[in-house]
Amino acid sequence: MRPGVGRREVWSWAMYDFANSGYTTVVLTTVFNAYFVGVVAAGKSWGTLALTAALSLSYLVVMLSMPGLGARADARAGHRRLLFASTAGCVLATAMLASVAPGDIVWGLLWLALSNVCYCIGESAVASFLPGLARPEAMGRVSGWGWSFGYFGGMLALGLALWVAAAAESDGLPAQAYVPWIMGLTAVLFAAAALPAFLWLREPATGAGRPPVAMLAQLRAAWRETRRDFPDFRRLLLCIACYQAGIAVVITLSAVYATEVMGFGMQQTMLLVFLVNIGAAVGAFGFGYLQDRIGHRKALALTLLGWIAMVLLAASARSLPLFWSAAALAGLCMGTSQSAGRAMVGVLAPASRPAEFFALWTFAVQLAAVVGPLSYGVLVWATAGNHRAALLATGLFFLAGLALLGRLDFARGIRARDEPGHRSVPAD
């Protein structure tokens, strides 16, 4: 940790990952998406398309707005304000999902999209605190602390949701009777777990930054600047966009693949989610130390090779033991690759502009969240339901990320960060 940064402050930062992971696990991955398609939009052949379209639109909003919001936070010392506003928005919108009843399609899509926009903004905002908390040589392990906390938070939220669902179903209650309680519980857990960040996480001393400009102009200017002044940071963003597209497929469609290809039931699918989260938590926590020891670039290359192996295992699996092995490997790779990418952004971002550069990271991640699942869906449609072929094609995202990583010169990126005018932290 940096001088003056206490363990309580780092813990409160990591607790925010714990808080927001419950939202993604319950709302986006496990409960509300299935509830919307099966109950809210029951009988509508376009229900799934409407759900994915609303999420894609929300990602587009974040992609276009986050660079400007990040620049404004840097220029006006507004990181805490941005984090608080986005958290409040996500908690309130998640709570409003409890009011969505069968047939409330428009309201369901509206509150889902709004909650996801606020979640994504908060994820970027909290990441911008990382360079001010961790020394450059410890960026990997501190990032890993946060990711590992997050996966445990997701497991807690999912466990509570399953407890509510099991109790309600044992009494013969339908989904519309208990899903609202799960949404309310998820919102309360998010708010409670995020509270330490607002009590003890201090505004980072980032300097004046640059005056923010109009949204699209900010995005164009930032992209041109990375090409001119930070070419290796730009390569890192492209690399992240590629492999995050593959990760987005695993997060969004792993349950679909398990059901359609391996014949999993609901209980097995829930166990699958738990296994992936456990592996991700272990990977994020332990791999962060290895990342700081062997170097960021080499560590990320190892985890991308792991993703490629996972795709080959899962696509060829005909037996349950082999598929479960692929799921465990996916969990380990998920935690390591997500944590490694965030740490690398933290090291290469100029110290006076962390929110702006992490906003570009958010842009890359959200672009991947649109491209990855959409490409998988198109391939499944084009191959008449061949999920194995679509999963094999997903491996190309990880291969592309590995190729781009091979062109990244990390030491040169650090030198660019430290050039006069960038006011950066010392190189590691």
Protein backbone atom coordinates (compact mmCIF):
# COMPACT_ATOMS: atom_id res chain seq x y z
CA MET A 1 0.00 0.00 0.00
CA ARG A 2 1.06 3.58 -0.55
CA PRO A 3 2.29 5.70 2.38
CA GLY A 4 -0.65 6.95 4.43
CA VAL A 5 -3.03 4.26 3.17
CA GLY A 6 -4.31 2.01 5.95
CA ARG A 7 -5.65 -1.50 5.78
CA ARG A 8 -9.14 -0.30 6.67
CA GLU A 9 -9.21 1.92 3.59
CA VAL A 10 -8.11 -0.91 1.29
CA TRP A 11 -10.63 -3.24 2.94
CA SER A 12 -13.41 -0.70 2.39
CA TRP A 13 -12.37 -0.43 -1.28
CA ALA A 14 -12.43 -4.22 -1.68
CA MET A 15 -15.83 -4.36 0.04
CA TYR A 16 -17.30 -2.37 -2.84
CA ASP A 17 -16.42 -5.27 -5.17
CA PHE A 18 -18.14 -7.52 -2.61
CA ALA A 19 -21.19 -5.25 -2.76
CA ASN A 20 -21.70 -4.89 -6.50
CA SER A 21 -20.96 -8.53 -7.37
CA GLY A 22 -24.21 -9.58 -5.72
CA TYR A 23 -26.04 -7.43 -8.25
CA THR A 24 -24.40 -9.04 -11.28
CA THR A 25 -24.74 -12.60 -9.95
CA VAL A 26 -28.41 -12.35 -8.97
CA VAL A 27 -29.84 -9.80 -11.41
CA LEU A 28 -27.85 -10.30 -14.61
CA THR A 29 -26.72 -13.93 -14.44
CA THR A 30 -29.09 -16.06 -12.40
CA VAL A 31 -32.49 -14.77 -11.25
CA PHE A 32 -33.96 -11.69 -12.91
CA ASN A 33 -32.97 -12.56 -16.48
CA ALA A 34 -34.73 -15.94 -16.20
CA TYR A 35 -37.68 -14.33 -14.39
CA PHE A 36 -38.08 -11.71 -17.09
CA VAL A 37 -38.06 -14.18 -19.99
CA GLY A 38 -40.12 -16.86 -18.27
CA VAL A 39 -42.64 -14.80 -16.27
CA VAL A 40 -42.66 -11.08 -17.11
CA ALA A 41 -42.54 -11.67 -20.89
CA ALA A 42 -44.05 -15.16 -20.80
CA GLY A 43 -45.29 -16.31 -24.19
CA LYS A 44 -43.40 -13.62 -26.09
CA SER A 45 -41.03 -15.14 -28.61
CA TRP A 46 -38.98 -11.94 -28.56
CA GLY A 47 -38.55 -11.86 -24.77
CA THR A 48 -34.92 -12.93 -24.81
CA LEU A 49 -34.13 -10.51 -27.63
CA ALA A 50 -35.77 -7.66 -25.69
CA LEU A 51 -33.70 -8.52 -22.61
CA THR A 52 -30.39 -8.61 -24.47
CA ALA A 53 -31.27 -5.47 -26.44
CA ALA A 54 -31.97 -3.53 -23.24
CA LEU A 55 -28.64 -4.64 -21.76
CA SER A 56 -26.80 -3.80 -24.99
CA LEU A 57 -28.34 -0.33 -24.99
CA SER A 58 -27.25 0.19 -21.39
CA TYR A 59 -23.69 -0.84 -22.26
CA LEU A 60 -23.74 1.60 -25.17
CA VAL A 61 -24.78 4.43 -22.84
CA VAL A 62 -21.88 3.61 -20.52
CA MET A 63 -19.41 3.38 -23.41
CA LEU A 64 -20.33 6.84 -24.65
CA SER A 65 -20.70 8.61 -21.30
CA MET A 66 -17.96 7.17 -19.10
CA PRO A 67 -14.92 8.92 -20.69
CA GLY A 68 -16.55 12.31 -20.06
CA LEU A 69 -17.65 11.37 -16.55
CA GLY A 70 -14.16 10.12 -15.76
CA ALA A 71 -12.50 13.30 -17.02
CA ARG A 72 -14.93 15.38 -14.98
CA ALA A 73 -14.18 13.34 -11.85
CA ASP A 74 -10.44 13.86 -12.35
CA ALA A 75 -10.78 17.60 -13.03
CA ARG A 76 -13.13 18.32 -10.11
CA ALA A 77 -11.94 15.77 -7.52
CA GLY A 78 -15.29 14.07 -7.89
CA HIS A 79 -14.44 10.36 -7.66
CA ARG A 80 -16.37 9.86 -4.42
CA ARG A 81 -19.38 11.81 -5.73
CA LEU A 82 -19.46 9.72 -8.91
CA LEU A 83 -19.19 6.50 -6.92
CA PHE A 84 -21.93 7.52 -4.50
CA ALA A 85 -24.35 8.69 -7.21
CA SER A 86 -23.90 5.54 -9.30
CA THR A 87 -24.29 3.31 -6.24
CA ALA A 88 -27.46 5.06 -5.14
CA GLY A 89 -28.84 4.77 -8.66
CA CYS A 90 -28.09 1.04 -8.90
CA VAL A 91 -29.52 0.27 -5.47
CA LEU A 92 -32.74 2.21 -6.15
CA ALA A 93 -33.21 0.71 -9.63
CA THR A 94 -32.58 -2.80 -8.29
CA ALA A 95 -35.16 -2.19 -5.58
CA MET A 96 -37.60 -1.05 -8.27
CA LEU A 97 -37.16 -4.40 -10.03
CA ALA A 98 -39.15 -5.80 -7.12
CA SER A 99 -42.20 -3.99 -8.48
CA VAL A 100 -41.99 -5.70 -11.89
CA ALA A 101 -44.93 -8.09 -12.25
CA PRO A 102 -45.98 -10.38 -15.12
CA GLY A 103 -46.70 -8.24 -18.17
CA ASP A 104 -44.66 -5.23 -16.95
CA ILE A 105 -42.25 -5.62 -19.85
CA VAL A 106 -41.44 -1.96 -20.42
CA TRP A 107 -40.89 -1.22 -16.73
CA GLY A 108 -38.79 -4.34 -16.33
CA LEU A 109 -36.53 -3.38 -19.21
CA LEU A 110 -36.31 0.24 -18.03
CA TRP A 111 -35.27 -0.58 -14.45
CA LEU A 112 -32.91 -3.31 -15.64
CA ALA A 113 -31.14 -0.99 -18.10
CA LEU A 114 -30.91 1.84 -15.56
CA SER A 115 -29.54 -0.43 -12.83
CA ASN A 116 -26.92 -1.81 -15.22
CA VAL A 117 -25.81 1.65 -16.36
CA CYS A 118 -25.32 2.71 -12.74
CA TYR A 119 -23.54 -0.53 -11.89
CA CYS A 120 -21.07 -0.11 -14.78
CA ILE A 121 -20.33 3.50 -13.87
CA GLY A 122 -19.71 2.49 -10.26
CA GLU A 123 -17.41 -0.34 -11.33
CA SER A 124 -15.27 2.12 -13.30
CA ALA A 125 -15.36 4.76 -10.55
CA VAL A 126 -14.19 2.41 -7.81
CA ALA A 127 -11.40 1.06 -10.05
CA SER A 128 -10.01 4.60 -10.39
CA PHE A 129 -9.11 4.53 -6.67
CA LEU A 130 -6.68 1.62 -7.18
CA PRO A 131 -3.57 3.61 -8.26
CA GLY A 132 -3.89 5.80 -5.17
CA LEU A 133 -4.11 2.80 -2.83
CA ALA A 134 -1.48 0.36 -4.10
CA ARG A 135 2.17 0.76 -4.88
CA PRO A 136 2.96 -0.01 -8.53
CA GLU A 137 4.79 -3.21 -7.61
CA ALA A 138 1.74 -4.42 -5.60
CA MET A 139 -1.01 -3.42 -8.03
CA GLY A 140 -1.75 -7.02 -8.99
CA ARG A 141 -2.29 -8.38 -5.49
CA VAL A 142 -4.40 -5.41 -4.32
CA SER A 143 -6.57 -5.68 -7.43
CA GLY A 144 -6.85 -9.40 -6.70
CA TRP A 145 -8.08 -8.69 -3.16
CA GLY A 146 -10.97 -6.73 -4.59
CA TRP A 147 -11.92 -9.29 -7.22
CA SER A 148 -11.76 -12.16 -4.72
CA PHE A 149 -13.98 -10.24 -2.27
CA GLY A 150 -16.35 -9.67 -5.15
CA TYR A 151 -16.79 -13.33 -5.98
CA PHE A 152 -17.53 -14.14 -2.34
CA GLY A 153 -20.10 -11.35 -2.35
CA GLY A 154 -21.71 -12.89 -5.40
CA MET A 155 -21.86 -16.28 -3.71
CA LEU A 156 -23.46 -14.78 -0.60
CA ALA A 157 -26.12 -12.98 -2.63
CA LEU A 158 -26.82 -16.10 -4.68
CA GLY A 159 -27.00 -18.26 -1.56
CA LEU A 160 -29.55 -15.92 0.02
CA ALA A 161 -31.55 -15.87 -3.22
CA LEU A 162 -31.60 -19.66 -3.35
CA TRP A 163 -32.70 -19.84 0.28
CA VAL A 164 -35.63 -17.50 -0.43
CA ALA A 165 -36.57 -19.37 -3.60
CA ALA A 166 -36.37 -22.81 -1.97
CA ALA A 167 -38.52 -21.72 0.98
CA ALA A 168 -41.11 -20.15 -1.30
CA GLU A 169 -41.27 -23.05 -3.72
CA SER A 170 -41.67 -25.52 -0.85
CA ASP A 171 -44.83 -23.60 0.05
CA GLY A 172 -46.02 -23.80 -3.55
CA LEU A 173 -45.53 -20.10 -4.31
CA PRO A 174 -44.88 -18.98 -7.92
CA ALA A 175 -41.84 -16.96 -9.03
CA GLN A 176 -43.76 -13.67 -9.03
CA ALA A 177 -44.35 -14.15 -5.30
CA TYR A 178 -40.70 -14.50 -4.25
CA VAL A 179 -38.53 -12.88 -6.95
CA PRO A 180 -39.52 -9.37 -5.71
CA TRP A 181 -38.20 -10.33 -2.27
CA ILE A 182 -34.93 -11.47 -3.85
CA MET A 183 -34.59 -8.16 -5.70
CA GLY A 184 -35.20 -6.20 -2.51
CA LEU A 185 -32.74 -8.34 -0.58
CA THR A 186 -30.10 -7.85 -3.29
CA ALA A 187 -30.56 -4.07 -3.15
CA VAL A 188 -30.23 -4.02 0.65
CA LEU A 189 -27.11 -6.20 0.56
CA PHE A 190 -25.54 -3.91 -2.08
CA ALA A 191 -26.22 -0.80 0.01
CA ALA A 192 -24.97 -2.33 3.26
CA ALA A 193 -21.78 -3.79 1.81
CA ALA A 194 -20.95 -0.56 -0.06
CA LEU A 195 -21.26 1.56 3.10
CA PRO A 196 -17.60 1.09 4.21
CA ALA A 197 -16.40 2.64 0.94
CA PHE A 198 -18.28 5.85 1.72
CA LEU A 199 -17.10 5.90 5.33
CA TRP A 200 -13.38 5.29 4.85
CA LEU A 201 -12.41 5.53 1.18
CA ARG A 202 -10.76 8.92 0.63
CA GLU A 203 -10.79 11.04 -2.49
CA PRO A 204 -7.58 10.22 -4.43
CA ALA A 205 -5.02 13.00 -4.75
CA THR A 206 -4.90 13.01 -8.53
CA GLY A 207 -4.08 16.61 -9.32
CA ALA A 208 -6.04 18.95 -11.51
CA GLY A 209 -6.49 16.66 -14.50
CA ARG A 210 -7.94 18.24 -17.66
CA PRO A 211 -11.16 20.20 -18.10
CA PRO A 212 -13.93 17.89 -19.33
CA VAL A 213 -15.49 18.49 -22.73
CA ALA A 214 -18.60 17.23 -24.51
CA MET A 215 -19.27 13.50 -24.32
CA LEU A 216 -18.43 12.38 -27.87
CA ALA A 217 -15.66 14.94 -28.20
CA GLN A 218 -14.12 13.58 -24.99
CA LEU A 219 -14.26 10.05 -26.33
CA ARG A 220 -12.68 11.00 -29.68
CA ALA A 221 -9.98 13.07 -27.99
CA ALA A 222 -9.11 10.29 -25.54
CA TRP A 223 -8.84 7.70 -28.32
CA ARG A 224 -6.63 9.98 -30.44
CA GLU A 225 -4.46 10.73 -27.44
CA THR A 226 -3.83 7.05 -26.69
CA ARG A 227 -2.72 6.54 -30.29
CA ARG A 228 -0.37 9.51 -30.13
CA ASP A 229 0.99 9.47 -26.57
CA PHE A 230 0.08 6.09 -25.03
CA PRO A 231 0.29 3.47 -27.81
CA ASP A 232 0.93 0.59 -25.43
CA PHE A 233 -2.02 1.57 -23.27
CA ARG A 234 -4.07 1.55 -26.46
CA ARG A 235 -2.83 -1.97 -27.26
CA LEU A 236 -3.76 -3.01 -23.74
CA LEU A 237 -7.30 -1.69 -24.27
CA LEU A 238 -7.64 -3.65 -27.52
CA CYS A 239 -6.30 -6.76 -25.81
CA ILE A 240 -8.78 -6.35 -22.94
CA ALA A 241 -11.66 -5.79 -25.35
CA CYS A 242 -10.83 -9.08 -27.12
CA TYR A 243 -10.49 -11.38 -24.15
CA GLN A 244 -13.32 -9.71 -22.22
CA ALA A 245 -15.60 -10.55 -25.15
CA GLY A 246 -14.85 -14.21 -24.50
CA ILE A 247 -15.37 -13.76 -20.76
CA ALA A 248 -18.70 -12.04 -21.41
CA VAL A 249 -19.85 -15.14 -23.29
CA VAL A 250 -18.93 -17.36 -20.33
CA ILE A 251 -20.66 -15.08 -17.80
CA THR A 252 -23.81 -14.56 -19.85
CA LEU A 253 -24.27 -17.94 -21.52
CA SER A 254 -22.57 -20.60 -19.41
CA ALA A 255 -25.90 -21.59 -17.85
CA VAL A 256 -27.47 -21.77 -21.31
CA TYR A 257 -24.62 -23.97 -22.58
CA ALA A 258 -24.86 -26.26 -19.55
CA THR A 259 -28.61 -26.66 -20.04
CA GLU A 260 -28.71 -27.03 -23.80
CA VAL A 261 -25.56 -29.11 -24.34
CA MET A 262 -24.93 -30.98 -21.09
CA GLY A 263 -28.55 -31.37 -19.99
CA PHE A 264 -28.12 -29.64 -16.63
CA GLY A 265 -31.13 -29.03 -14.41
CA MET A 266 -31.64 -25.93 -12.24
CA GLN A 267 -29.84 -27.38 -9.20
CA GLN A 268 -26.80 -28.42 -11.25
CA THR A 269 -26.73 -25.01 -12.92
CA MET A 270 -26.70 -23.25 -9.55
CA LEU A 271 -23.88 -25.53 -8.38
CA LEU A 272 -22.04 -24.64 -11.58
CA VAL A 273 -22.31 -20.92 -10.77
CA PHE A 274 -21.00 -21.56 -7.25
CA LEU A 275 -18.06 -23.58 -8.56
CA VAL A 276 -17.09 -20.89 -11.05
CA ASN A 277 -17.28 -18.20 -8.34
CA ILE A 278 -15.16 -20.22 -5.92
CA GLY A 279 -12.53 -20.81 -8.58
CA ALA A 280 -12.61 -17.13 -9.57
CA ALA A 281 -12.17 -15.98 -5.97
CA VAL A 282 -9.19 -18.29 -5.44
CA GLY A 283 -7.67 -17.29 -8.77
CA ALA A 284 -8.06 -13.56 -8.24
CA PHE A 285 -6.59 -13.63 -4.74
CA GLY A 286 -3.68 -15.99 -5.34
CA PHE A 287 -2.78 -14.97 -8.86
CA GLY A 288 -2.36 -11.33 -7.89
CA TYR A 289 0.75 -12.23 -5.90
CA LEU A 290 2.14 -14.26 -8.81
CA GLN A 291 1.37 -11.38 -11.18
CA ASP A 292 3.45 -8.97 -9.11
CA ARG A 293 6.28 -11.51 -8.96
CA ILE A 294 6.57 -12.61 -12.60
CA GLY A 295 5.28 -9.45 -14.29
CA HIS A 296 1.91 -8.27 -15.57
CA ARG A 297 2.36 -9.19 -19.22
CA LYS A 298 3.58 -12.74 -18.59
CA ALA A 299 0.85 -13.34 -16.01
CA LEU A 300 -1.91 -12.24 -18.37
CA ALA A 301 -0.45 -14.42 -21.15
CA LEU A 302 -0.63 -17.46 -18.85
CA THR A 303 -4.26 -16.86 -18.00
CA LEU A 304 -5.22 -16.35 -21.67
CA LEU A 305 -3.62 -19.71 -22.46
CA GLY A 306 -5.74 -21.11 -19.65
CA TRP A 307 -8.88 -19.68 -21.27
CA ILE A 308 -7.99 -21.32 -24.59
CA ALA A 309 -7.53 -24.66 -22.81
CA MET A 310 -10.89 -24.19 -21.07
CA VAL A 311 -12.69 -23.59 -24.37
CA LEU A 312 -11.18 -26.73 -25.88
CA LEU A 313 -12.13 -28.79 -22.81
CA ALA A 314 -15.71 -27.52 -22.61
CA ALA A 315 -16.38 -27.79 -26.34
CA SER A 316 -15.11 -31.38 -26.47
CA ALA A 317 -16.66 -32.52 -23.17
CA ARG A 318 -19.09 -35.41 -23.48
CA SER A 319 -18.84 -36.52 -19.86
CA LEU A 320 -19.76 -34.58 -16.73
CA PRO A 321 -16.34 -34.89 -15.03
CA LEU A 322 -14.61 -33.28 -18.02
CA PHE A 323 -17.19 -30.49 -18.17
CA TRP A 324 -16.91 -29.82 -14.44
CA SER A 325 -13.12 -29.64 -14.88
CA ALA A 326 -13.61 -27.06 -17.63
CA ALA A 327 -15.93 -25.06 -15.33
CA ALA A 328 -13.35 -25.06 -12.53
CA LEU A 329 -10.67 -23.87 -14.97
CA ALA A 330 -13.03 -21.16 -16.22
CA GLY A 331 -13.45 -19.89 -12.67
CA LEU A 332 -9.70 -19.72 -12.08
CA CYS A 333 -9.11 -17.94 -15.39
CA MET A 334 -11.98 -15.52 -14.85
CA GLY A 335 -10.65 -14.22 -11.56
CA THR A 336 -7.07 -13.96 -12.78
CA SER A 337 -7.73 -12.30 -16.14
CA GLN A 338 -10.17 -9.71 -14.83
CA SER A 339 -7.91 -8.78 -11.93
CA ALA A 340 -4.79 -8.74 -14.13
CA GLY A 341 -6.36 -6.38 -16.67
CA ARG A 342 -7.48 -3.90 -14.01
CA ALA A 343 -4.04 -3.94 -12.39
CA MET A 344 -2.30 -3.30 -15.73
CA VAL A 345 -4.56 -0.33 -16.41
CA GLY A 346 -3.73 0.97 -12.92
CA VAL A 347 0.00 0.77 -13.60
CA LEU A 348 -0.10 2.43 -17.04
CA ALA A 349 -2.58 5.21 -16.19
CA PRO A 350 -1.09 8.66 -15.43
CA ALA A 351 -1.51 9.49 -11.74
CA SER A 352 -3.34 12.77 -12.42
CA ARG A 353 -6.01 11.13 -14.60
CA PRO A 354 -6.99 7.73 -13.17
CA ALA A 355 -10.76 8.06 -13.64
CA GLU A 356 -10.35 9.14 -17.27
CA PHE A 357 -8.10 6.19 -18.11
CA PHE A 358 -10.21 3.70 -16.18
CA ALA A 359 -13.18 5.07 -18.13
CA LEU A 360 -11.42 3.91 -21.30
CA TRP A 361 -11.00 0.52 -19.65
CA THR A 362 -14.75 0.55 -18.96
CA PHE A 363 -15.39 1.41 -22.61
CA ALA A 364 -13.36 -1.62 -23.71
CA VAL A 365 -15.10 -3.95 -21.24
CA GLN A 366 -18.59 -2.77 -22.17
CA LEU A 367 -17.83 -3.03 -25.89
CA ALA A 368 -16.80 -6.62 -25.23
CA ALA A 369 -20.04 -7.23 -23.31
CA VAL A 370 -21.98 -6.28 -26.43
CA VAL A 371 -19.83 -8.04 -29.06
CA GLY A 372 -19.13 -11.33 -27.26
CA PRO A 373 -22.63 -12.61 -26.40
CA LEU A 374 -24.07 -11.17 -29.63
CA SER A 375 -21.54 -13.03 -31.76
CA TYR A 376 -22.26 -16.25 -29.84
CA GLY A 377 -25.98 -15.85 -30.41
CA VAL A 378 -25.51 -15.18 -34.12
CA LEU A 379 -23.30 -18.27 -34.49
CA VAL A 380 -25.80 -20.49 -32.66
CA TRP A 381 -28.53 -19.19 -34.98
CA ALA A 382 -26.37 -19.59 -38.10
CA THR A 383 -25.38 -23.16 -37.19
CA ALA A 384 -28.92 -24.27 -36.33
CA GLY A 385 -28.28 -24.47 -32.60
CA ASN A 386 -24.70 -25.78 -32.55
CA HIS A 387 -23.48 -24.45 -29.19
CA ARG A 388 -20.22 -26.39 -29.36
CA ALA A 389 -19.22 -24.66 -32.60
CA ALA A 390 -20.16 -21.27 -31.13
CA LEU A 391 -18.05 -21.96 -28.04
CA LEU A 392 -15.06 -23.00 -30.15
CA ALA A 393 -15.40 -19.76 -32.13
CA THR A 394 -15.39 -17.88 -28.81
CA GLY A 395 -11.85 -19.14 -28.31
CA LEU A 396 -10.79 -16.83 -31.14
CA PHE A 397 -11.36 -13.85 -28.83
CA PHE A 398 -8.75 -15.21 -26.42
CA LEU A 399 -6.34 -15.96 -29.28
CA ALA A 400 -6.73 -12.38 -30.53
CA GLY A 401 -6.10 -11.04 -27.04
CA LEU A 402 -2.95 -13.14 -26.77
CA ALA A 403 -1.71 -11.84 -30.14
CA LEU A 404 -2.29 -8.22 -29.13
CA LEU A 405 -0.59 -8.82 -25.79
CA GLY A 406 2.49 -10.02 -27.67
CA ARG A 407 2.79 -6.56 -29.25
CA LEU A 408 2.54 -4.72 -25.92
CA ASP A 409 5.79 -3.32 -24.49
CA PHE A 410 5.00 -2.79 -20.81
CA ALA A 411 8.24 -1.00 -19.98
CA ARG A 412 7.67 1.43 -22.87
CA GLY A 413 4.13 2.01 -21.61
CA ILE A 414 5.49 2.96 -18.19
CA ARG A 415 7.96 5.38 -19.78
CA ALA A 416 5.12 7.02 -21.71
CA ARG A 417 3.15 7.32 -18.49
CA ASP A 418 6.09 9.03 -16.78
CA GLU A 419 6.89 11.59 -19.49
CA PRO A 420 6.76 15.24 -18.36
CA GLY A 421 3.25 16.57 -18.14
CA HIS A 422 1.70 13.24 -17.17
CA ARG A 423 2.53 13.61 -13.46
CA SER A 424 2.70 9.88 -12.97
CA VAL A 425 3.74 7.57 -10.17
CA PRO A 426 7.22 5.99 -10.17
CA ALA A 427 7.73 3.00 -12.43
CA ASP A 428 7.83 -0.49 -10.98
